[in-house]
Amino acid sequence: MTMTLYSNLPTLDLHGEPAAIAVILVKDFIRDNYNLKNKRIVIIHGIGKGIIRKTVHEELKNNIYVKEYKLDNFNVGQTIIELNL
C-alpha cells in the first residue's frame, strides 16, 4: 500500500462505475461533504481512456458547492476538490 499526500481526506473511488452512476455518486459525495464541513475531498477516477475523469470534471465545473478542483500532480488518476465553505 502506498501513502499519498491526500490519504487523510474523504475519498470517493469510482473505479468500475459507469459514467451515469459516477455523476450521481459525485453529486451525493460533494453534498454530503459540504454538509459535514469538509473543505477538501478527493475523487479517484482512474486514468484509462479519461471518460470518467471528463465526466467528473464536467460535474465539478457546474456544481455550486465546488470552489476549485485540480488533478493531483503526483497521481493524475485522482482529482482534489476544494468546497465552498
PDB file of N, CA and C in Angstrom:
ATOM      1  N   MET A   1       0.847  -1.182   0.000  1.00  0.00           N
ATOM      2  CA  MET A   1       0.000   0.000   0.000  1.00  0.00           C
ATOM      3  C   MET A   1       0.888   1.239   0.000  1.00  0.00           C
ATOM      4  N   THR A   2       0.564   2.195  -0.845  1.00  0.00           N
ATOM      5  CA  THR A   2       1.321   3.436  -0.892  1.00  0.00           C
ATOM      6  C   THR A   2       0.547   4.549  -0.213  1.00  0.00           C
ATOM      7  N   MET A   3       1.260   5.418   0.452  1.00  0.00           N
ATOM      8  CA  MET A   3       0.639   6.572   1.101  1.00  0.00           C
ATOM      9  C   MET A   3       0.643   7.734   0.122  1.00  0.00           C
ATOM     10  N   THR A   4      -0.389   8.502   0.144  1.00  0.00           N
ATOM     11  CA  THR A   4      -0.443   9.682  -0.709  1.00  0.00           C
ATOM     12  C   THR A   4      -0.569  10.929   0.157  1.00  0.00           C
ATOM     13  N   LEU A   5      -0.290  12.038  -0.436  1.00  0.00           N
ATOM     14  CA  LEU A   5      -0.377  13.317   0.247  1.00  0.00           C
ATOM     15  C   LEU A   5      -1.789  13.577   0.772  1.00  0.00           C
ATOM     16  N   TYR A   6      -2.777  13.039   0.105  1.00  0.00           N
ATOM     17  CA  TYR A   6      -4.174  13.324   0.447  1.00  0.00           C
ATOM     18  C   TYR A   6      -4.883  12.137   1.093  1.00  0.00           C
ATOM     19  N   SER A   7      -4.137  11.216   1.674  1.00  0.00           N
ATOM     20  CA  SER A   7      -4.733   9.992   2.209  1.00  0.00           C
ATOM     21  C   SER A   7      -5.645  10.238   3.405  1.00  0.00           C
ATOM     22  N   ASN A   8      -5.534  11.402   4.052  1.00  0.00           N
ATOM     23  CA  ASN A   8      -6.381  11.692   5.206  1.00  0.00           C
ATOM     24  C   ASN A   8      -7.690  12.394   4.826  1.00  0.00           C
ATOM     25  N   LEU A   9      -7.894  12.665   3.551  1.00  0.00           N
ATOM     26  CA  LEU A   9      -9.106  13.355   3.101  1.00  0.00           C
ATOM     27  C   LEU A   9     -10.205  12.363   2.730  1.00  0.00           C
ATOM     28  N   PRO A  10     -11.479  12.779   2.865  1.00  0.00           N
ATOM     29  CA  PRO A  10     -12.579  11.924   2.400  1.00  0.00           C
ATOM     30  C   PRO A  10     -12.398  11.630   0.907  1.00  0.00           C
ATOM     31  N   THR A  11     -12.592  10.361   0.543  1.00  0.00           N
ATOM     32  CA  THR A  11     -12.296   9.919  -0.817  1.00  0.00           C
ATOM     33  C   THR A  11     -13.439   9.097  -1.396  1.00  0.00           C
ATOM     34  N   LEU A  12     -13.714   9.342  -2.658  1.00  0.00           N
ATOM     35  CA  LEU A  12     -14.686   8.551  -3.416  1.00  0.00           C
ATOM     36  C   LEU A  12     -13.937   7.860  -4.547  1.00  0.00           C
ATOM     37  N   ASP A  13     -14.011   6.536  -4.596  1.00  0.00           N
ATOM     38  CA  ASP A  13     -13.347   5.753  -5.642  1.00  0.00           C
ATOM     39  C   ASP A  13     -14.391   5.330  -6.676  1.00  0.00           C
ATOM     40  N   LEU A  14     -14.209   5.767  -7.914  1.00  0.00           N
ATOM     41  CA  LEU A  14     -15.176   5.489  -8.976  1.00  0.00           C
ATOM     42  C   LEU A  14     -14.732   4.381  -9.931  1.00  0.00           C
ATOM     43  N   HIS A  15     -13.666   3.663  -9.593  1.00  0.00           N
ATOM     44  CA  HIS A  15     -13.210   2.578 -10.465  1.00  0.00           C
ATOM     45  C   HIS A  15     -14.355   1.610 -10.760  1.00  0.00           C
ATOM     46  N   GLY A  16     -14.563   1.329 -12.026  1.00  0.00           N
ATOM     47  CA  GLY A  16     -15.565   0.357 -12.443  1.00  0.00           C
ATOM     48  C   GLY A  16     -16.978   0.895 -12.558  1.00  0.00           C
ATOM     49  N   GLU A  17     -17.179   2.152 -12.225  1.00  0.00           N
ATOM     50  CA  GLU A  17     -18.528   2.728 -12.301  1.00  0.00           C
ATOM     51  C   GLU A  17     -18.798   3.285 -13.700  1.00  0.00           C
ATOM     52  N   PRO A  18     -20.007   3.065 -14.234  1.00  0.00           N
ATOM     53  CA  PRO A  18     -20.368   3.708 -15.499  1.00  0.00           C
ATOM     54  C   PRO A  18     -20.539   5.216 -15.280  1.00  0.00           C
ATOM     55  N   ALA A  19     -20.377   5.994 -16.324  1.00  0.00           N
ATOM     56  CA  ALA A  19     -20.404   7.458 -16.233  1.00  0.00           C
ATOM     57  C   ALA A  19     -21.694   7.976 -15.595  1.00  0.00           C
ATOM     58  N   ALA A  20     -22.836   7.422 -15.961  1.00  0.00           N
ATOM     59  CA  ALA A  20     -24.119   7.909 -15.427  1.00  0.00           C
ATOM     60  C   ALA A  20     -24.204   7.707 -13.913  1.00  0.00           C
ATOM     61  N   ILE A  21     -23.716   6.579 -13.429  1.00  0.00           N
ATOM     62  CA  ILE A  21     -23.718   6.309 -11.980  1.00  0.00           C
ATOM     63  C   ILE A  21     -22.676   7.185 -11.296  1.00  0.00           C
ATOM     64  N   ALA A  22     -21.536   7.402 -11.944  1.00  0.00           N
ATOM     65  CA  ALA A  22     -20.477   8.234 -11.378  1.00  0.00           C
ATOM     66  C   ALA A  22     -20.986   9.639 -11.082  1.00  0.00           C
ATOM     67  N   VAL A  23     -21.789  10.201 -11.976  1.00  0.00           N
ATOM     68  CA  VAL A  23     -22.342  11.553 -11.766  1.00  0.00           C
ATOM     69  C   VAL A  23     -23.188  11.586 -10.498  1.00  0.00           C
ATOM     70  N   ILE A  24     -24.026  10.606 -10.309  1.00  0.00           N
ATOM     71  CA  ILE A  24     -24.886  10.547  -9.114  1.00  0.00           C
ATOM     72  C   ILE A  24     -24.040  10.425  -7.855  1.00  0.00           C
ATOM     73  N   LEU A  25     -23.049   9.531  -7.889  1.00  0.00           N
ATOM     74  CA  LEU A  25     -22.174   9.334  -6.735  1.00  0.00           C
ATOM     75  C   LEU A  25     -21.394  10.604  -6.403  1.00  0.00           C
ATOM     76  N   VAL A  26     -20.901  11.292  -7.423  1.00  0.00           N
ATOM     77  CA  VAL A  26     -20.148  12.530  -7.214  1.00  0.00           C
ATOM     78  C   VAL A  26     -21.039  13.598  -6.590  1.00  0.00           C
ATOM     79  N   LYS A  27     -22.235  13.783  -7.114  1.00  0.00           N
ATOM     80  CA  LYS A  27     -23.163  14.781  -6.559  1.00  0.00           C
ATOM     81  C   LYS A  27     -23.446  14.501  -5.092  1.00  0.00           C
ATOM     82  N   ASP A  28     -23.743  13.247  -4.759  1.00  0.00           N
ATOM     83  CA  ASP A  28     -24.032  12.870  -3.370  1.00  0.00           C
ATOM     84  C   ASP A  28     -22.809  13.069  -2.475  1.00  0.00           C
ATOM     85  N   PHE A  29     -21.642  12.665  -2.963  1.00  0.00           N
ATOM     86  CA  PHE A  29     -20.400  12.785  -2.205  1.00  0.00           C
ATOM     87  C   PHE A  29     -20.084  14.254  -1.902  1.00  0.00           C
ATOM     88  N   ILE A  30     -20.233  15.106  -2.884  1.00  0.00           N
ATOM     89  CA  ILE A  30     -19.971  16.531  -2.691  1.00  0.00           C
ATOM     90  C   ILE A  30     -20.963  17.127  -1.702  1.00  0.00           C
ATOM     91  N   ARG A  31     -22.236  16.854  -1.892  1.00  0.00           N
ATOM     92  CA  ARG A  31     -23.263  17.399  -0.996  1.00  0.00           C
ATOM     93  C   ARG A  31     -23.032  16.929   0.444  1.00  0.00           C
ATOM     94  N   ASP A  32     -22.759  15.639   0.620  1.00  0.00           N
ATOM     95  CA  ASP A  32     -22.535  15.098   1.967  1.00  0.00           C
ATOM     96  C   ASP A  32     -21.327  15.759   2.637  1.00  0.00           C
ATOM     97  N   ASN A  33     -20.248  15.923   1.897  1.00  0.00           N
ATOM     98  CA  ASN A  33     -19.048  16.520   2.475  1.00  0.00           C
ATOM     99  C   ASN A  33     -19.215  18.015   2.721  1.00  0.00           C
ATOM    100  N   TYR A  34     -19.980  18.686   1.898  1.00  0.00           N
ATOM    101  CA  TYR A  34     -20.311  20.093   2.139  1.00  0.00           C
ATOM    102  C   TYR A  34     -21.075  20.207   3.467  1.00  0.00           C
ATOM    103  N   ASN A  35     -22.071  19.341   3.648  1.00  0.00           N
ATOM    104  CA  ASN A  35     -22.863  19.356   4.881  1.00  0.00           C
ATOM    105  C   ASN A  35     -22.026  19.007   6.106  1.00  0.00           C
ATOM    106  N   LEU A  36     -21.002  18.178   5.911  1.00  0.00           N
ATOM    107  CA  LEU A  36     -20.099  17.796   7.008  1.00  0.00           C
ATOM    108  C   LEU A  36     -18.989  18.828   7.232  1.00  0.00           C
ATOM    109  N   LYS A  37     -18.971  19.884   6.418  1.00  0.00           N
ATOM    110  CA  LYS A  37     -17.977  20.959   6.509  1.00  0.00           C
ATOM    111  C   LYS A  37     -16.554  20.480   6.200  1.00  0.00           C
ATOM    112  N   ASN A  38     -16.428  19.494   5.324  1.00  0.00           N
ATOM    113  CA  ASN A  38     -15.112  19.061   4.862  1.00  0.00           C
ATOM    114  C   ASN A  38     -14.688  19.971   3.724  1.00  0.00           C
ATOM    115  N   LYS A  39     -13.604  20.701   3.909  1.00  0.00           N
ATOM    116  CA  LYS A  39     -13.168  21.702   2.932  1.00  0.00           C
ATOM    117  C   LYS A  39     -12.550  21.059   1.694  1.00  0.00           C
ATOM    118  N   ARG A  40     -11.790  19.977   1.866  1.00  0.00           N
ATOM    119  CA  ARG A  40     -11.136  19.293   0.743  1.00  0.00           C
ATOM    120  C   ARG A  40     -11.538  17.835   0.695  1.00  0.00           C
ATOM    121  N   ILE A  41     -11.743  17.361  -0.526  1.00  0.00           N
ATOM    122  CA  ILE A  41     -12.098  15.963  -0.757  1.00  0.00           C
ATOM    123  C   ILE A  41     -11.341  15.463  -1.989  1.00  0.00           C
ATOM    124  N   VAL A  42     -11.344  14.147  -2.165  1.00  0.00           N
ATOM    125  CA  VAL A  42     -10.638  13.520  -3.285  1.00  0.00           C
ATOM    126  C   VAL A  42     -11.591  12.593  -4.022  1.00  0.00           C
ATOM    127  N   ILE A  43     -11.547  12.652  -5.346  1.00  0.00           N
ATOM    128  CA  ILE A  43     -12.285  11.703  -6.168  1.00  0.00           C
ATOM    129  C   ILE A  43     -11.265  10.942  -7.010  1.00  0.00           C
ATOM    130  N   ILE A  44     -11.285   9.623  -6.871  1.00  0.00           N
ATOM    131  CA  ILE A  44     -10.413   8.762  -7.667  1.00  0.00           C
ATOM    132  C   ILE A  44     -11.211   8.301  -8.878  1.00  0.00           C
ATOM    133  N   HIS A  45     -10.762   8.690 -10.057  1.00  0.00           N
ATOM    134  CA  HIS A  45     -11.459   8.333 -11.285  1.00  0.00           C
ATOM    135  C   HIS A  45     -10.635   7.411 -12.160  1.00  0.00           C
ATOM    136  N   GLY A  46      -9.388   7.223 -11.829  1.00  0.00           N
ATOM    137  CA  GLY A  46      -8.501   6.392 -12.627  1.00  0.00           C
ATOM    138  C   GLY A  46      -8.016   7.144 -13.866  1.00  0.00           C
ATOM    139  N   ILE A  47      -7.203   6.457 -14.639  1.00  0.00           N
ATOM    140  CA  ILE A  47      -6.630   7.072 -15.831  1.00  0.00           C
ATOM    141  C   ILE A  47      -7.357   6.570 -17.072  1.00  0.00           C
ATOM    142  N   GLY A  48      -7.206   5.319 -17.413  1.00  0.00           N
ATOM    143  CA  GLY A  48      -7.925   4.706 -18.535  1.00  0.00           C
ATOM    144  C   GLY A  48      -8.007   5.579 -19.764  1.00  0.00           C
ATOM    145  N   LYS A  49      -9.188   5.635 -20.339  1.00  0.00           N
ATOM    146  CA  LYS A  49      -9.432   6.449 -21.536  1.00  0.00           C
ATOM    147  C   LYS A  49      -9.863   7.869 -21.193  1.00  0.00           C
ATOM    148  N   GLY A  50     -10.023   8.158 -19.906  1.00  0.00           N
ATOM    149  CA  GLY A  50     -10.368   9.503 -19.468  1.00  0.00           C
ATOM    150  C   GLY A  50     -11.851   9.818 -19.454  1.00  0.00           C
ATOM    151  N   ILE A  51     -12.681   8.826 -19.703  1.00  0.00           N
ATOM    152  CA  ILE A  51     -14.129   9.069 -19.771  1.00  0.00           C
ATOM    153  C   ILE A  51     -14.685   9.491 -18.415  1.00  0.00           C
ATOM    154  N   ILE A  52     -14.341   8.761 -17.369  1.00  0.00           N
ATOM    155  CA  ILE A  52     -14.852   9.092 -16.032  1.00  0.00           C
ATOM    156  C   ILE A  52     -14.253  10.417 -15.567  1.00  0.00           C
ATOM    157  N   ARG A  53     -12.980  10.657 -15.822  1.00  0.00           N
ATOM    158  CA  ARG A  53     -12.351  11.928 -15.452  1.00  0.00           C
ATOM    159  C   ARG A  53     -13.085  13.104 -16.106  1.00  0.00           C
ATOM    160  N   LYS A  54     -13.363  12.990 -17.380  1.00  0.00           N
ATOM    161  CA  LYS A  54     -14.073  14.065 -18.084  1.00  0.00           C
ATOM    162  C   LYS A  54     -15.472  14.264 -17.517  1.00  0.00           C
ATOM    163  N   THR A  55     -16.147  13.175 -17.217  1.00  0.00           N
ATOM    164  CA  THR A  55     -17.490  13.238 -16.641  1.00  0.00           C
ATOM    165  C   THR A  55     -17.449  13.906 -15.271  1.00  0.00           C
ATOM    166  N   VAL A  56     -16.488  13.511 -14.443  1.00  0.00           N
ATOM    167  CA  VAL A  56     -16.334  14.091 -13.105  1.00  0.00           C
ATOM    168  C   VAL A  56     -16.024  15.578 -13.208  1.00  0.00           C
ATOM    169  N   HIS A  57     -15.088  15.945 -14.061  1.00  0.00           N
ATOM    170  CA  HIS A  57     -14.705  17.357 -14.187  1.00  0.00           C
ATOM    171  C   HIS A  57     -15.856  18.212 -14.712  1.00  0.00           C
ATOM    172  N   GLU A  58     -16.662  17.666 -15.584  1.00  0.00           N
ATOM    173  CA  GLU A  58     -17.831  18.407 -16.071  1.00  0.00           C
ATOM    174  C   GLU A  58     -18.813  18.661 -14.920  1.00  0.00           C
ATOM    175  N   GLU A  59     -19.020  17.661 -14.075  1.00  0.00           N
ATOM    176  CA  GLU A  59     -19.895  17.828 -12.912  1.00  0.00           C
ATOM    177  C   GLU A  59     -19.303  18.841 -11.936  1.00  0.00           C
ATOM    178  N   LEU A  60     -17.999  18.774 -11.694  1.00  0.00           N
ATOM    179  CA  LEU A  60     -17.350  19.700 -10.764  1.00  0.00           C
ATOM    180  C   LEU A  60     -17.446  21.137 -11.254  1.00  0.00           C
ATOM    181  N   LYS A  61     -17.288  21.326 -12.555  1.00  0.00           N
ATOM    182  CA  LYS A  61     -17.338  22.659 -13.147  1.00  0.00           C
ATOM    183  C   LYS A  61     -18.702  23.318 -12.925  1.00  0.00           C
ATOM    184  N   ASN A  62     -19.753  22.527 -12.867  1.00  0.00           N
ATOM    185  CA  ASN A  62     -21.113  23.051 -12.761  1.00  0.00           C
ATOM    186  C   ASN A  62     -21.728  22.932 -11.369  1.00  0.00           C
ATOM    187  N   ASN A  63     -20.956  22.432 -10.399  1.00  0.00           N
ATOM    188  CA  ASN A  63     -21.500  22.185  -9.069  1.00  0.00           C
ATOM    189  C   ASN A  63     -21.300  23.424  -8.187  1.00  0.00           C
ATOM    190  N   ILE A  64     -22.394  23.937  -7.609  1.00  0.00           N
ATOM    191  CA  ILE A  64     -22.330  25.171  -6.821  1.00  0.00           C
ATOM    192  C   ILE A  64     -21.512  25.024  -5.537  1.00  0.00           C
ATOM    193  N   TYR A  65     -21.310  23.814  -5.052  1.00  0.00           N
ATOM    194  CA  TYR A  65     -20.548  23.603  -3.822  1.00  0.00           C
ATOM    195  C   TYR A  65     -19.040  23.565  -4.068  1.00  0.00           C
ATOM    196  N   VAL A  66     -18.610  23.513  -5.310  1.00  0.00           N
ATOM    197  CA  VAL A  66     -17.195  23.366  -5.643  1.00  0.00           C
ATOM    198  C   VAL A  66     -16.556  24.728  -5.887  1.00  0.00           C
ATOM    199  N   LYS A  67     -15.530  25.030  -5.098  1.00  0.00           N
ATOM    200  CA  LYS A  67     -14.783  26.278  -5.274  1.00  0.00           C
ATOM    201  C   LYS A  67     -13.755  26.115  -6.380  1.00  0.00           C
ATOM    202  N   GLU A  68     -12.952  25.033  -6.305  1.00  0.00           N
ATOM    203  CA  GLU A  68     -11.970  24.742  -7.345  1.00  0.00           C
ATOM    204  C   GLU A  68     -11.599  23.265  -7.298  1.00  0.00           C
ATOM    205  N   TYR A  69     -10.991  22.814  -8.380  1.00  0.00           N
ATOM    206  CA  TYR A  69     -10.538  21.426  -8.438  1.00  0.00           C
ATOM    207  C   TYR A  69      -9.329  21.342  -9.353  1.00  0.00           C
ATOM    208  N   LYS A  70      -8.526  20.303  -9.122  1.00  0.00           N
ATOM    209  CA  LYS A  70      -7.341  20.087  -9.953  1.00  0.00           C
ATOM    210  C   LYS A  70      -6.930  18.633  -9.882  1.00  0.00           C
ATOM    211  N   LEU A  71      -6.271  18.183 -10.934  1.00  0.00           N
ATOM    212  CA  LEU A  71      -5.688  16.851 -10.909  1.00  0.00           C
ATOM    213  C   LEU A  71      -4.563  16.844  -9.892  1.00  0.00           C
ATOM    214  N   ASP A  72      -4.409  15.738  -9.191  1.00  0.00           N
ATOM    215  CA  ASP A  72      -3.300  15.556  -8.270  1.00  0.00           C
ATOM    216  C   ASP A  72      -2.013  15.502  -9.094  1.00  0.00           C
ATOM    217  N   ASN A  73      -1.050  16.339  -8.785  1.00  0.00           N
ATOM    218  CA  ASN A  73       0.217  16.379  -9.519  1.00  0.00           C
ATOM    219  C   ASN A  73       0.979  15.055  -9.469  1.00  0.00           C
ATOM    220  N   PHE A  74       0.789  14.301  -8.403  1.00  0.00           N
ATOM    221  CA  PHE A  74       1.523  13.053  -8.217  1.00  0.00           C
ATOM    222  C   PHE A  74       0.731  11.823  -8.635  1.00  0.00           C
ATOM    223  N   ASN A  75      -0.557  11.996  -8.902  1.00  0.00           N
ATOM    224  CA  ASN A  75      -1.416  10.886  -9.308  1.00  0.00           C
ATOM    225  C   ASN A  75      -2.547  11.445 -10.172  1.00  0.00           C
ATOM    226  N   VAL A  76      -2.356  11.424 -11.489  1.00  0.00           N
ATOM    227  CA  VAL A  76      -3.367  12.009 -12.391  1.00  0.00           C
ATOM    228  C   VAL A  76      -4.646  11.174 -12.456  1.00  0.00           C
ATOM    229  N   GLY A  77      -4.708  10.093 -11.707  1.00  0.00           N
ATOM    230  CA  GLY A  77      -5.911   9.285 -11.631  1.00  0.00           C
ATOM    231  C   GLY A  77      -6.871   9.763 -10.555  1.00  0.00           C
ATOM    232  N   GLN A  78      -6.544  10.886  -9.924  1.00  0.00           N
ATOM    233  CA  GLN A  78      -7.451  11.434  -8.915  1.00  0.00           C
ATOM    234  C   GLN A  78      -7.482  12.945  -9.002  1.00  0.00           C
ATOM    235  N   THR A  79      -8.603  13.499  -8.542  1.00  0.00           N
ATOM    236  CA  THR A  79      -8.821  14.937  -8.572  1.00  0.00           C
ATOM    237  C   THR A  79      -9.039  15.418  -7.138  1.00  0.00           C
ATOM    238  N   ILE A  80      -8.401  16.533  -6.797  1.00  0.00           N
ATOM    239  CA  ILE A  80      -8.531  17.150  -5.484  1.00  0.00           C
ATOM    240  C   ILE A  80      -9.535  18.309  -5.625  1.00  0.00           C
ATOM    241  N   ILE A  81     -10.503  18.338  -4.722  1.00  0.00           N
ATOM    242  CA  ILE A  81     -11.572  19.328  -4.801  1.00  0.00           C
ATOM    243  C   ILE A  81     -11.582  20.166  -3.533  1.00  0.00           C
ATOM    244  N   GLU A  82     -11.730  21.472  -3.694  1.00  0.00           N
ATOM    245  CA  GLU A  82     -11.943  22.366  -2.560  1.00  0.00           C
ATOM    246  C   GLU A  82     -13.383  22.863  -2.642  1.00  0.00           C
ATOM    247  N   LEU A  83     -14.089  22.713  -1.521  1.00  0.00           N
ATOM    248  CA  LEU A  83     -15.504  23.084  -1.489  1.00  0.00           C
ATOM    249  C   LEU A  83     -15.678  24.521  -1.008  1.00  0.00           C
ATOM    250  N   ASN A  84     -16.789  25.145  -1.412  1.00  0.00           N
ATOM    251  CA  ASN A  84     -17.168  26.497  -0.976  1.00  0.00           C
ATOM    252  C   ASN A  84     -17.768  26.422   0.421  1.00  0.00           C
ATOM    253  N   LEU A  85     -16.963  26.641   1.416  1.00  0.00           N
ATOM    254  CA  LEU A  85     -17.497  26.626   2.791  1.00  0.00           C
ATOM    255  C   LEU A  85     -17.468  28.016   3.376  1.00  0.00           C
TER     256      LEU A  85
END
